[in-house]
Amino acid sequence: MHLMSNNIFKLFRKNFELLFWIGSLTFLGITASAECHYSFCLFKLAGLPWCPGCGIGHAIGFILQGKFLLSWQTHWLGGPALLVILHRIYVLLLTIKFQSPNHKVQINIKYSNIK
């Protein structure tokens, strides 16, 4: 049991960024940005009226909910930011290496000069 939990911890630690981005987009997609009464924003928790990241976060949330015009009105960089994050998730998914401790698989690709 200890070995299994250790492997899960290693897998989590190795793929933390991927899990963070997927979790963040899931959170933004399921929360109603305009009706949210509680915020994780440190600026709002400190009582400051303006935050540089809240507009983009709300805009991404609106895009994920299908409210494209409201997203554009909230922050015009929401769409490009979402595309960058989705690209990063795609790149991270391509680099995942699942490897069992008992079954090590190596893939060797050799390139030859074609004349």
PDB file of N, CA and C in Angstrom:
ATOM      1  N   MET A   1       0.826  -1.191   0.000  1.00  0.00           N
ATOM      2  CA  MET A   1       0.000   0.000   0.000  1.00  0.00           C
ATOM      3  C   MET A   1       0.867   1.251   0.000  1.00  0.00           C
ATOM      4  N   HIS A   2       1.949   1.227   0.762  1.00  0.00           N
ATOM      5  CA  HIS A   2       2.839   2.387   0.827  1.00  0.00           C
ATOM      6  C   HIS A   2       3.482   2.654  -0.532  1.00  0.00           C
ATOM      7  N   LEU A   3       3.873   1.605  -1.233  1.00  0.00           N
ATOM      8  CA  LEU A   3       4.490   1.756  -2.549  1.00  0.00           C
ATOM      9  C   LEU A   3       3.514   2.366  -3.540  1.00  0.00           C
ATOM     10  N   MET A   4       2.251   1.965  -3.462  1.00  0.00           N
ATOM     11  CA  MET A   4       1.238   2.502  -4.368  1.00  0.00           C
ATOM     12  C   MET A   4       1.003   3.990  -4.096  1.00  0.00           C
ATOM     13  N   SER A   5       0.885   4.387  -2.835  1.00  0.00           N
ATOM     14  CA  SER A   5       0.670   5.797  -2.512  1.00  0.00           C
ATOM     15  C   SER A   5       1.895   6.626  -2.885  1.00  0.00           C
ATOM     16  N   ASN A   6       3.073   6.050  -2.764  1.00  0.00           N
ATOM     17  CA  ASN A   6       4.290   6.741  -3.158  1.00  0.00           C
ATOM     18  C   ASN A   6       4.314   6.974  -4.668  1.00  0.00           C
ATOM     19  N   ASN A   7       3.870   5.962  -5.449  1.00  0.00           N
ATOM     20  CA  ASN A   7       3.817   6.108  -6.901  1.00  0.00           C
ATOM     21  C   ASN A   7       2.784   7.144  -7.318  1.00  0.00           C
ATOM     22  N   ILE A   8       1.639   7.178  -6.629  1.00  0.00           N
ATOM     23  CA  ILE A   8       0.612   8.173  -6.933  1.00  0.00           C
ATOM     24  C   ILE A   8       1.140   9.565  -6.626  1.00  0.00           C
ATOM     25  N   PHE A   9       1.850   9.725  -5.515  1.00  0.00           N
ATOM     26  CA  PHE A   9       2.424  11.017  -5.161  1.00  0.00           C
ATOM     27  C   PHE A   9       3.442  11.468  -6.208  1.00  0.00           C
ATOM     28  N   LYS A  10       4.274  10.552  -6.673  1.00  0.00           N
ATOM     29  CA  LYS A  10       5.256  10.883  -7.705  1.00  0.00           C
ATOM     30  C   LYS A  10       4.576  11.282  -9.010  1.00  0.00           C
ATOM     31  N   LEU A  11       3.515  10.567  -9.380  1.00  0.00           N
ATOM     32  CA  LEU A  11       2.771  10.881 -10.593  1.00  0.00           C
ATOM     33  C   LEU A  11       2.117  12.256 -10.475  1.00  0.00           C
ATOM     34  N   PHE A  12       1.554  12.557  -9.299  1.00  0.00           N
ATOM     35  CA  PHE A  12       0.947  13.868  -9.067  1.00  0.00           C
ATOM     36  C   PHE A  12       1.988  14.970  -9.137  1.00  0.00           C
ATOM     37  N   ARG A  13       3.116  14.755  -8.487  1.00  0.00           N
ATOM     38  CA  ARG A  13       4.172  15.768  -8.464  1.00  0.00           C
ATOM     39  C   ARG A  13       4.744  15.996  -9.854  1.00  0.00           C
ATOM     40  N   LYS A  14       4.873  14.916 -10.618  1.00  0.00           N
ATOM     41  CA  LYS A  14       5.439  15.002 -11.962  1.00  0.00           C
ATOM     42  C   LYS A  14       4.509  15.743 -12.918  1.00  0.00           C
ATOM     43  N   ASN A  15       3.189  15.599 -12.719  1.00  0.00           N
ATOM     44  CA  ASN A  15       2.204  16.205 -13.615  1.00  0.00           C
ATOM     45  C   ASN A  15       1.424  17.326 -12.943  1.00  0.00           C
ATOM     46  N   PHE A  16       2.031  18.007 -11.991  1.00  0.00           N
ATOM     47  CA  PHE A  16       1.332  19.043 -11.238  1.00  0.00           C
ATOM     48  C   PHE A  16       0.830  20.164 -12.141  1.00  0.00           C
ATOM     49  N   GLU A  17       1.653  20.630 -13.069  1.00  0.00           N
ATOM     50  CA  GLU A  17       1.244  21.739 -13.925  1.00  0.00           C
ATOM     51  C   GLU A  17       0.033  21.360 -14.771  1.00  0.00           C
ATOM     52  N   LEU A  18       0.038  20.164 -15.321  1.00  0.00           N
ATOM     53  CA  LEU A  18      -1.087  19.697 -16.119  1.00  0.00           C
ATOM     54  C   LEU A  18      -2.358  19.645 -15.278  1.00  0.00           C
ATOM     55  N   LEU A  19      -2.272  19.073 -14.097  1.00  0.00           N
ATOM     56  CA  LEU A  19      -3.434  18.988 -13.213  1.00  0.00           C
ATOM     57  C   LEU A  19      -3.897  20.369 -12.768  1.00  0.00           C
ATOM     58  N   PHE A  20      -2.958  21.292 -12.564  1.00  0.00           N
ATOM     59  CA  PHE A  20      -3.299  22.647 -12.169  1.00  0.00           C
ATOM     60  C   PHE A  20      -4.107  23.347 -13.260  1.00  0.00           C
ATOM     61  N   TRP A  21      -3.646  23.272 -14.518  1.00  0.00           N
ATOM     62  CA  TRP A  21      -4.352  23.945 -15.617  1.00  0.00           C
ATOM     63  C   TRP A  21      -5.718  23.325 -15.857  1.00  0.00           C
ATOM     64  N   ILE A  22      -5.812  22.006 -15.846  1.00  0.00           N
ATOM     65  CA  ILE A  22      -7.101  21.354 -16.054  1.00  0.00           C
ATOM     66  C   ILE A  22      -8.059  21.702 -14.912  1.00  0.00           C
ATOM     67  N   GLY A  23      -7.568  21.683 -13.698  1.00  0.00           N
ATOM     68  CA  GLY A  23      -8.396  22.050 -12.545  1.00  0.00           C
ATOM     69  C   GLY A  23      -8.840  23.499 -12.580  1.00  0.00           C
ATOM     70  N   SER A  24      -7.948  24.383 -12.985  1.00  0.00           N
ATOM     71  CA  SER A  24      -8.288  25.801 -13.065  1.00  0.00           C
ATOM     72  C   SER A  24      -9.356  26.063 -14.110  1.00  0.00           C
ATOM     73  N   LEU A  25      -9.206  25.471 -15.290  1.00  0.00           N
ATOM     74  CA  LEU A  25     -10.213  25.663 -16.335  1.00  0.00           C
ATOM     75  C   LEU A  25     -11.549  25.032 -15.935  1.00  0.00           C
ATOM     76  N   THR A  26     -11.502  23.905 -15.249  1.00  0.00           N
ATOM     77  CA  THR A  26     -12.739  23.283 -14.767  1.00  0.00           C
ATOM     78  C   THR A  26     -13.427  24.193 -13.767  1.00  0.00           C
ATOM     79  N   PHE A  27     -12.666  24.761 -12.842  1.00  0.00           N
ATOM     80  CA  PHE A  27     -13.226  25.675 -11.849  1.00  0.00           C
ATOM     81  C   PHE A  27     -13.828  26.904 -12.513  1.00  0.00           C
ATOM     82  N   LEU A  28     -13.106  27.486 -13.482  1.00  0.00           N
ATOM     83  CA  LEU A  28     -13.633  28.663 -14.175  1.00  0.00           C
ATOM     84  C   LEU A  28     -14.877  28.331 -14.986  1.00  0.00           C
ATOM     85  N   GLY A  29     -14.941  27.120 -15.518  1.00  0.00           N
ATOM     86  CA  GLY A  29     -16.077  26.734 -16.337  1.00  0.00           C
ATOM     87  C   GLY A  29     -17.340  26.441 -15.549  1.00  0.00           C
ATOM     88  N   ILE A  30     -17.203  25.957 -14.317  1.00  0.00           N
ATOM     89  CA  ILE A  30     -18.396  25.579 -13.558  1.00  0.00           C
ATOM     90  C   ILE A  30     -18.868  26.665 -12.602  1.00  0.00           C
ATOM     91  N   THR A  31     -18.051  27.678 -12.342  1.00  0.00           N
ATOM     92  CA  THR A  31     -18.492  28.754 -11.460  1.00  0.00           C
ATOM     93  C   THR A  31     -19.120  29.856 -12.299  1.00  0.00           C
ATOM     94  N   ALA A  32     -20.149  30.458 -11.764  1.00  0.00           N
ATOM     95  CA  ALA A  32     -20.775  31.598 -12.428  1.00  0.00           C
ATOM     96  C   ALA A  32     -19.983  32.842 -12.033  1.00  0.00           C
ATOM     97  N   SER A  33     -19.203  33.365 -12.952  1.00  0.00           N
ATOM     98  CA  SER A  33     -18.262  34.440 -12.641  1.00  0.00           C
ATOM     99  C   SER A  33     -18.945  35.703 -12.135  1.00  0.00           C
ATOM    100  N   ALA A  34     -20.073  36.065 -12.727  1.00  0.00           N
ATOM    101  CA  ALA A  34     -20.738  37.310 -12.342  1.00  0.00           C
ATOM    102  C   ALA A  34     -21.450  37.184 -10.997  1.00  0.00           C
ATOM    103  N   GLU A  35     -21.825  35.965 -10.599  1.00  0.00           N
ATOM    104  CA  GLU A  35     -22.593  35.770  -9.382  1.00  0.00           C
ATOM    105  C   GLU A  35     -21.744  35.262  -8.219  1.00  0.00           C
ATOM    106  N   CYS A  36     -20.460  35.171  -8.407  1.00  0.00           N
ATOM    107  CA  CYS A  36     -19.581  34.610  -7.387  1.00  0.00           C
ATOM    108  C   CYS A  36     -19.471  35.564  -6.198  1.00  0.00           C
ATOM    109  N   HIS A  37     -19.792  35.066  -5.010  1.00  0.00           N
ATOM    110  CA  HIS A  37     -19.738  35.915  -3.818  1.00  0.00           C
ATOM    111  C   HIS A  37     -18.395  35.797  -3.117  1.00  0.00           C
ATOM    112  N   TYR A  38     -17.705  34.716  -3.322  1.00  0.00           N
ATOM    113  CA  TYR A  38     -16.404  34.519  -2.704  1.00  0.00           C
ATOM    114  C   TYR A  38     -15.356  34.448  -3.795  1.00  0.00           C
ATOM    115  N   SER A  39     -14.196  35.012  -3.513  1.00  0.00           N
ATOM    116  CA  SER A  39     -13.131  35.032  -4.500  1.00  0.00           C
ATOM    117  C   SER A  39     -11.839  34.533  -3.866  1.00  0.00           C
ATOM    118  N   PHE A  40     -11.028  33.854  -4.677  1.00  0.00           N
ATOM    119  CA  PHE A  40      -9.703  33.438  -4.232  1.00  0.00           C
ATOM    120  C   PHE A  40      -8.660  34.504  -4.544  1.00  0.00           C
ATOM    121  N   CYS A  41      -9.084  35.611  -5.115  1.00  0.00           N
ATOM    122  CA  CYS A  41      -8.180  36.687  -5.521  1.00  0.00           C
ATOM    123  C   CYS A  41      -7.574  37.362  -4.284  1.00  0.00           C
ATOM    124  N   LEU A  42      -6.253  37.398  -4.244  1.00  0.00           N
ATOM    125  CA  LEU A  42      -5.576  38.027  -3.103  1.00  0.00           C
ATOM    126  C   LEU A  42      -5.819  39.526  -3.042  1.00  0.00           C
ATOM    127  N   PHE A  43      -5.980  40.170  -4.209  1.00  0.00           N
ATOM    128  CA  PHE A  43      -6.247  41.601  -4.240  1.00  0.00           C
ATOM    129  C   PHE A  43      -7.615  41.906  -3.613  1.00  0.00           C
ATOM    130  N   LYS A  44      -8.629  41.132  -3.976  1.00  0.00           N
ATOM    131  CA  LYS A  44      -9.971  41.352  -3.413  1.00  0.00           C
ATOM    132  C   LYS A  44     -10.014  40.991  -1.937  1.00  0.00           C
ATOM    133  N   LEU A  45      -9.301  39.936  -1.555  1.00  0.00           N
ATOM    134  CA  LEU A  45      -9.256  39.575  -0.136  1.00  0.00           C
ATOM    135  C   LEU A  45      -8.564  40.649   0.688  1.00  0.00           C
ATOM    136  N   ALA A  46      -7.630  41.388   0.061  1.00  0.00           N
ATOM    137  CA  ALA A  46      -6.940  42.473   0.753  1.00  0.00           C
ATOM    138  C   ALA A  46      -7.759  43.763   0.743  1.00  0.00           C
ATOM    139  N   GLY A  47      -8.891  43.770   0.032  1.00  0.00           N
ATOM    140  CA  GLY A  47      -9.759  44.949   0.003  1.00  0.00           C
ATOM    141  C   GLY A  47      -9.466  45.916  -1.134  1.00  0.00           C
ATOM    142  N   LEU A  48      -8.590  45.535  -2.058  1.00  0.00           N
ATOM    143  CA  LEU A  48      -8.285  46.408  -3.186  1.00  0.00           C
ATOM    144  C   LEU A  48      -9.380  46.263  -4.255  1.00  0.00           C
ATOM    145  N   PRO A  49      -9.784  47.366  -4.875  1.00  0.00           N
ATOM    146  CA  PRO A  49     -10.893  47.301  -5.828  1.00  0.00           C
ATOM    147  C   PRO A  49     -10.504  46.773  -7.206  1.00  0.00           C
ATOM    148  N   TRP A  50      -9.234  46.759  -7.552  1.00  0.00           N
ATOM    149  CA  TRP A  50      -8.814  46.390  -8.905  1.00  0.00           C
ATOM    150  C   TRP A  50      -7.811  45.240  -8.854  1.00  0.00           C
ATOM    151  N   CYS A  51      -7.946  44.312  -9.774  1.00  0.00           N
ATOM    152  CA  CYS A  51      -7.022  43.187  -9.872  1.00  0.00           C
ATOM    153  C   CYS A  51      -6.675  42.972 -11.338  1.00  0.00           C
ATOM    154  N   PRO A  52      -5.394  42.805 -11.662  1.00  0.00           N
ATOM    155  CA  PRO A  52      -5.018  42.621 -13.063  1.00  0.00           C
ATOM    156  C   PRO A  52      -5.427  41.272 -13.640  1.00  0.00           C
ATOM    157  N   GLY A  53      -5.717  40.282 -12.827  1.00  0.00           N
ATOM    158  CA  GLY A  53      -6.022  38.949 -13.348  1.00  0.00           C
ATOM    159  C   GLY A  53      -7.496  38.581 -13.346  1.00  0.00           C
ATOM    160  N   CYS A  54      -8.312  39.283 -12.583  1.00  0.00           N
ATOM    161  CA  CYS A  54      -9.724  38.904 -12.472  1.00  0.00           C
ATOM    162  C   CYS A  54     -10.475  39.062 -13.786  1.00  0.00           C
ATOM    163  N   GLY A  55     -10.177  40.093 -14.545  1.00  0.00           N
ATOM    164  CA  GLY A  55     -10.868  40.300 -15.816  1.00  0.00           C
ATOM    165  C   GLY A  55     -10.616  39.165 -16.791  1.00  0.00           C
ATOM    166  N   ILE A  56      -9.365  38.725 -16.898  1.00  0.00           N
ATOM    167  CA  ILE A  56      -9.039  37.619 -17.800  1.00  0.00           C
ATOM    168  C   ILE A  56      -9.646  36.315 -17.271  1.00  0.00           C
ATOM    169  N   GLY A  57      -9.619  36.113 -15.986  1.00  0.00           N
ATOM    170  CA  GLY A  57     -10.228  34.911 -15.410  1.00  0.00           C
ATOM    171  C   GLY A  57     -11.725  34.860 -15.662  1.00  0.00           C
ATOM    172  N   HIS A  58     -12.400  35.976 -15.469  1.00  0.00           N
ATOM    173  CA  HIS A  58     -13.833  36.021 -15.749  1.00  0.00           C
ATOM    174  C   HIS A  58     -14.103  35.821 -17.237  1.00  0.00           C
ATOM    175  N   ALA A  59     -13.273  36.431 -18.086  1.00  0.00           N
ATOM    176  CA  ALA A  59     -13.456  36.286 -19.531  1.00  0.00           C
ATOM    177  C   ALA A  59     -13.292  34.831 -19.970  1.00  0.00           C
ATOM    178  N   ILE A  60     -12.301  34.133 -19.440  1.00  0.00           N
ATOM    179  CA  ILE A  60     -12.117  32.706 -19.759  1.00  0.00           C
ATOM    180  C   ILE A  60     -13.318  31.906 -19.266  1.00  0.00           C
ATOM    181  N   GLY A  61     -13.792  32.211 -18.071  1.00  0.00           N
ATOM    182  CA  GLY A  61     -14.970  31.520 -17.538  1.00  0.00           C
ATOM    183  C   GLY A  61     -16.193  31.730 -18.415  1.00  0.00           C
ATOM    184  N   PHE A  62     -16.385  32.957 -18.899  1.00  0.00           N
ATOM    185  CA  PHE A  62     -17.528  33.231 -19.772  1.00  0.00           C
ATOM    186  C   PHE A  62     -17.414  32.480 -21.098  1.00  0.00           C
ATOM    187  N   ILE A  63     -16.203  32.381 -21.646  1.00  0.00           N
ATOM    188  CA  ILE A  63     -16.012  31.622 -22.889  1.00  0.00           C
ATOM    189  C   ILE A  63     -16.374  30.153 -22.662  1.00  0.00           C
ATOM    190  N   LEU A  64     -15.916  29.586 -21.555  1.00  0.00           N
ATOM    191  CA  LEU A  64     -16.201  28.181 -21.263  1.00  0.00           C
ATOM    192  C   LEU A  64     -17.688  27.939 -21.029  1.00  0.00           C
ATOM    193  N   GLN A  65     -18.424  28.981 -20.647  1.00  0.00           N
ATOM    194  CA  GLN A  65     -19.869  28.867 -20.447  1.00  0.00           C
ATOM    195  C   GLN A  65     -20.646  29.239 -21.706  1.00  0.00           C
ATOM    196  N   GLY A  66     -19.939  29.616 -22.781  1.00  0.00           N
ATOM    197  CA  GLY A  66     -20.595  29.952 -24.042  1.00  0.00           C
ATOM    198  C   GLY A  66     -21.059  31.390 -24.144  1.00  0.00           C
ATOM    199  N   LYS A  67     -20.660  32.246 -23.251  1.00  0.00           N
ATOM    200  CA  LYS A  67     -21.065  33.661 -23.253  1.00  0.00           C
ATOM    201  C   LYS A  67     -19.942  34.501 -23.877  1.00  0.00           C
ATOM    202  N   PHE A  68     -19.835  34.421 -25.206  1.00  0.00           N
ATOM    203  CA  PHE A  68     -18.703  35.008 -25.907  1.00  0.00           C
ATOM    204  C   PHE A  68     -18.719  36.533 -25.888  1.00  0.00           C
ATOM    205  N   LEU A  69     -19.874  37.145 -26.065  1.00  0.00           N
ATOM    206  CA  LEU A  69     -19.953  38.607 -26.062  1.00  0.00           C
ATOM    207  C   LEU A  69     -19.620  39.166 -24.678  1.00  0.00           C
ATOM    208  N   LEU A  70     -20.145  38.543 -23.657  1.00  0.00           N
ATOM    209  CA  LEU A  70     -19.839  38.969 -22.287  1.00  0.00           C
ATOM    210  C   LEU A  70     -18.351  38.790 -21.983  1.00  0.00           C
ATOM    211  N   SER A  71     -17.769  37.734 -22.535  1.00  0.00           N
ATOM    212  CA  SER A  71     -16.332  37.517 -22.362  1.00  0.00           C
ATOM    213  C   SER A  71     -15.532  38.647 -23.000  1.00  0.00           C
ATOM    214  N   TRP A  72     -15.912  39.021 -24.214  1.00  0.00           N
ATOM    215  CA  TRP A  72     -15.215  40.104 -24.923  1.00  0.00           C
ATOM    216  C   TRP A  72     -15.355  41.419 -24.160  1.00  0.00           C
ATOM    217  N   GLN A  73     -16.525  41.667 -23.596  1.00  0.00           N
ATOM    218  CA  GLN A  73     -16.759  42.901 -22.843  1.00  0.00           C
ATOM    219  C   GLN A  73     -15.985  42.911 -21.529  1.00  0.00           C
ATOM    220  N   THR A  74     -15.766  41.736 -20.960  1.00  0.00           N
ATOM    221  CA  THR A  74     -15.032  41.651 -19.692  1.00  0.00           C
ATOM    222  C   THR A  74     -13.545  41.898 -19.912  1.00  0.00           C
ATOM    223  N   HIS A  75     -12.949  41.186 -20.862  1.00  0.00           N
ATOM    224  CA  HIS A  75     -11.532  41.393 -21.197  1.00  0.00           C
ATOM    225  C   HIS A  75     -11.264  40.775 -22.550  1.00  0.00           C
ATOM    226  N   TRP A  76     -10.718  41.550 -23.450  1.00  0.00           N
ATOM    227  CA  TRP A  76     -10.524  41.073 -24.826  1.00  0.00           C
ATOM    228  C   TRP A  76      -9.405  40.038 -24.942  1.00  0.00           C
ATOM    229  N   LEU A  77      -8.570  39.888 -23.938  1.00  0.00           N
ATOM    230  CA  LEU A  77      -7.500  38.890 -23.982  1.00  0.00           C
ATOM    231  C   LEU A  77      -7.913  37.529 -23.422  1.00  0.00           C
ATOM    232  N   GLY A  78      -9.186  37.396 -23.052  1.00  0.00           N
ATOM    233  CA  GLY A  78      -9.647  36.115 -22.513  1.00  0.00           C
ATOM    234  C   GLY A  78      -9.529  34.983 -23.518  1.00  0.00           C
ATOM    235  N   GLY A  79      -9.923  35.238 -24.755  1.00  0.00           N
ATOM    236  CA  GLY A  79      -9.843  34.217 -25.802  1.00  0.00           C
ATOM    237  C   GLY A  79      -8.420  33.789 -26.102  1.00  0.00           C
ATOM    238  N   PRO A  80      -7.516  34.751 -26.377  1.00  0.00           N
ATOM    239  CA  PRO A  80      -6.124  34.351 -26.604  1.00  0.00           C
ATOM    240  C   PRO A  80      -5.488  33.657 -25.399  1.00  0.00           C
ATOM    241  N   ALA A  81      -5.821  34.094 -24.195  1.00  0.00           N
ATOM    242  CA  ALA A  81      -5.268  33.443 -23.001  1.00  0.00           C
ATOM    243  C   ALA A  81      -5.749  31.999 -22.900  1.00  0.00           C
ATOM    244  N   LEU A  82      -7.030  31.771 -23.217  1.00  0.00           N
ATOM    245  CA  LEU A  82      -7.559  30.406 -23.195  1.00  0.00           C
ATOM    246  C   LEU A  82      -6.863  29.535 -24.230  1.00  0.00           C
ATOM    247  N   LEU A  83      -6.604  30.082 -25.421  1.00  0.00           N
ATOM    248  CA  LEU A  83      -5.898  29.312 -26.447  1.00  0.00           C
ATOM    249  C   LEU A  83      -4.485  28.946 -25.999  1.00  0.00           C
ATOM    250  N   VAL A  84      -3.808  29.870 -25.344  1.00  0.00           N
ATOM    251  CA  VAL A  84      -2.450  29.598 -24.844  1.00  0.00           C
ATOM    252  C   VAL A  84      -2.490  28.495 -23.784  1.00  0.00           C
ATOM    253  N   ILE A  85      -3.461  28.570 -22.877  1.00  0.00           N
ATOM    254  CA  ILE A  85      -3.566  27.553 -21.824  1.00  0.00           C
ATOM    255  C   ILE A  85      -3.915  26.190 -22.419  1.00  0.00           C
ATOM    256  N   LEU A  86      -4.834  26.163 -23.388  1.00  0.00           N
ATOM    257  CA  LEU A  86      -5.191  24.892 -24.029  1.00  0.00           C
ATOM    258  C   LEU A  86      -4.004  24.299 -24.784  1.00  0.00           C
ATOM    259  N   HIS A  87      -3.203  25.156 -25.413  1.00  0.00           N
ATOM    260  CA  HIS A  87      -1.997  24.669 -26.090  1.00  0.00           C
ATOM    261  C   HIS A  87      -1.009  24.083 -25.089  1.00  0.00           C
ATOM    262  N   ARG A  88      -0.880  24.752 -23.951  1.00  0.00           N
ATOM    263  CA  ARG A  88       0.032  24.244 -22.916  1.00  0.00           C
ATOM    264  C   ARG A  88      -0.440  22.881 -22.394  1.00  0.00           C
ATOM    265  N   ILE A  89      -1.746  22.729 -22.198  1.00  0.00           N
ATOM    266  CA  ILE A  89      -2.287  21.445 -21.762  1.00  0.00           C
ATOM    267  C   ILE A  89      -1.994  20.377 -22.802  1.00  0.00           C
ATOM    268  N   TYR A  90      -2.158  20.714 -24.075  1.00  0.00           N
ATOM    269  CA  TYR A  90      -1.880  19.769 -25.161  1.00  0.00           C
ATOM    270  C   TYR A  90      -0.415  19.330 -25.140  1.00  0.00           C
ATOM    271  N   VAL A  91       0.492  20.285 -24.975  1.00  0.00           N
ATOM    272  CA  VAL A  91       1.927  19.962 -24.931  1.00  0.00           C
ATOM    273  C   VAL A  91       2.239  19.090 -23.719  1.00  0.00           C
ATOM    274  N   LEU A  92       1.655  19.404 -22.584  1.00  0.00           N
ATOM    275  CA  LEU A  92       1.897  18.597 -21.383  1.00  0.00           C
ATOM    276  C   LEU A  92       1.337  17.187 -21.536  1.00  0.00           C
ATOM    277  N   LEU A  93       0.190  17.056 -22.201  1.00  0.00           N
ATOM    278  CA  LEU A  93      -0.375  15.727 -22.435  1.00  0.00           C
ATOM    279  C   LEU A  93       0.521  14.896 -23.346  1.00  0.00           C
ATOM    280  N   LEU A  94       1.192  15.545 -24.285  1.00  0.00           N
ATOM    281  CA  LEU A  94       2.094  14.819 -25.181  1.00  0.00           C
ATOM    282  C   LEU A  94       3.341  14.316 -24.470  1.00  0.00           C
ATOM    283  N   THR A  95       3.705  14.954 -23.371  1.00  0.00           N
ATOM    284  CA  THR A  95       4.949  14.596 -22.693  1.00  0.00           C
ATOM    285  C   THR A  95       4.744  13.659 -21.508  1.00  0.00           C
ATOM    286  N   ILE A  96       3.496  13.258 -21.255  1.00  0.00           N
ATOM    287  CA  ILE A  96       3.264  12.340 -20.126  1.00  0.00           C
ATOM    288  C   ILE A  96       3.924  11.006 -20.420  1.00  0.00           C
ATOM    289  N   LYS A  97       4.604  10.491 -19.445  1.00  0.00           N
ATOM    290  CA  LYS A  97       5.250   9.189 -19.570  1.00  0.00           C
ATOM    291  C   LYS A  97       4.687   8.289 -18.485  1.00  0.00           C
ATOM    292  N   PHE A  98       3.880   7.322 -18.888  1.00  0.00           N
ATOM    293  CA  PHE A  98       3.383   6.333 -17.946  1.00  0.00           C
ATOM    294  C   PHE A  98       4.369   5.174 -17.921  1.00  0.00           C
ATOM    295  N   GLN A  99       4.899   4.910 -16.766  1.00  0.00           N
ATOM    296  CA  GLN A  99       5.885   3.851 -16.674  1.00  0.00           C
ATOM    297  C   GLN A  99       5.651   3.072 -15.394  1.00  0.00           C
ATOM    298  N   SER A 100       5.392   1.812 -15.554  1.00  0.00           N
ATOM    299  CA  SER A 100       5.223   0.924 -14.417  1.00  0.00           C
ATOM    300  C   SER A 100       6.612   0.561 -13.891  1.00  0.00           C
ATOM    301  N   PRO A 101       6.777   0.428 -12.587  1.00  0.00           N
ATOM    302  CA  PRO A 101       8.095   0.070 -12.064  1.00  0.00           C
ATOM    303  C   PRO A 101       8.553  -1.319 -12.513  1.00  0.00           C
ATOM    304  N   ASN A 102       7.619  -2.205 -12.849  1.00  0.00           N
ATOM    305  CA  ASN A 102       7.979  -3.564 -13.240  1.00  0.00           C
ATOM    306  C   ASN A 102       8.125  -3.738 -14.746  1.00  0.00           C
ATOM    307  N   HIS A 103       7.524  -2.858 -15.519  1.00  0.00           N
ATOM    308  CA  HIS A 103       7.522  -2.990 -16.973  1.00  0.00           C
ATOM    309  C   HIS A 103       8.068  -1.716 -17.595  1.00  0.00           C
ATOM    310  N   LYS A 104       9.323  -1.705 -17.897  1.00  0.00           N
ATOM    311  CA  LYS A 104       9.934  -0.540 -18.517  1.00  0.00           C
ATOM    312  C   LYS A 104       9.942  -0.737 -20.031  1.00  0.00           C
ATOM    313  N   VAL A 105       9.398   0.231 -20.712  1.00  0.00           N
ATOM    314  CA  VAL A 105       9.315   0.160 -22.157  1.00  0.00           C
ATOM    315  C   VAL A 105      10.157   1.285 -22.734  1.00  0.00           C
ATOM    316  N   GLN A 106      11.003   0.962 -23.656  1.00  0.00           N
ATOM    317  CA  GLN A 106      11.806   1.966 -24.330  1.00  0.00           C
ATOM    318  C   GLN A 106      11.437   1.976 -25.796  1.00  0.00           C
ATOM    319  N   ILE A 107      11.297   3.153 -26.328  1.00  0.00           N
ATOM    320  CA  ILE A 107      10.999   3.312 -27.742  1.00  0.00           C
ATOM    321  C   ILE A 107      12.180   4.022 -28.373  1.00  0.00           C
ATOM    322  N   ASN A 108      12.791   3.373 -29.321  1.00  0.00           N
ATOM    323  CA  ASN A 108      13.921   3.962 -30.030  1.00  0.00           C
ATOM    324  C   ASN A 108      13.491   4.287 -31.453  1.00  0.00           C
ATOM    325  N   ILE A 109      13.628   5.535 -31.815  1.00  0.00           N
ATOM    326  CA  ILE A 109      13.295   5.962 -33.164  1.00  0.00           C
ATOM    327  C   ILE A 109      14.597   6.349 -33.846  1.00  0.00           C
ATOM    328  N   LYS A 110      14.849   5.754 -34.971  1.00  0.00           N
ATOM    329  CA  LYS A 110      16.071   6.059 -35.727  1.00  0.00           C
ATOM    330  C   LYS A 110      15.680   6.757 -37.013  1.00  0.00           C
ATOM    331  N   TYR A 111      16.334   7.832 -37.270  1.00  0.00           N
ATOM    332  CA  TYR A 111      16.110   8.563 -38.505  1.00  0.00           C
ATOM    333  C   TYR A 111      17.233   8.222 -39.486  1.00  0.00           C
ATOM    334  N   SER A 112      16.873   7.942 -40.689  1.00  0.00           N
ATOM    335  CA  SER A 112      17.890   7.653 -41.696  1.00  0.00           C
ATOM    336  C   SER A 112      17.830   8.710 -42.786  1.00  0.00           C
ATOM    337  N   ASN A 113      18.933   8.911 -43.392  1.00  0.00           N
ATOM    338  CA  ASN A 113      18.995   9.880 -44.501  1.00  0.00           C
ATOM    339  C   ASN A 113      18.387   9.260 -45.746  1.00  0.00           C
ATOM    340  N   ILE A 114      17.356   9.887 -46.235  1.00  0.00           N
ATOM    341  CA  ILE A 114      16.710   9.416 -47.450  1.00  0.00           C
ATOM    342  C   ILE A 114      17.261  10.219 -48.610  1.00  0.00           C
ATOM    343  N   LYS A 115      17.832   9.487 -49.600  1.00  0.00           N
ATOM    344  CA  LYS A 115      18.431  10.189 -50.733  1.00  0.00           C
ATOM    345  C   LYS A 115      17.653   9.916 -51.992  1.00  0.00           C
TER     346      LYS A 115
END
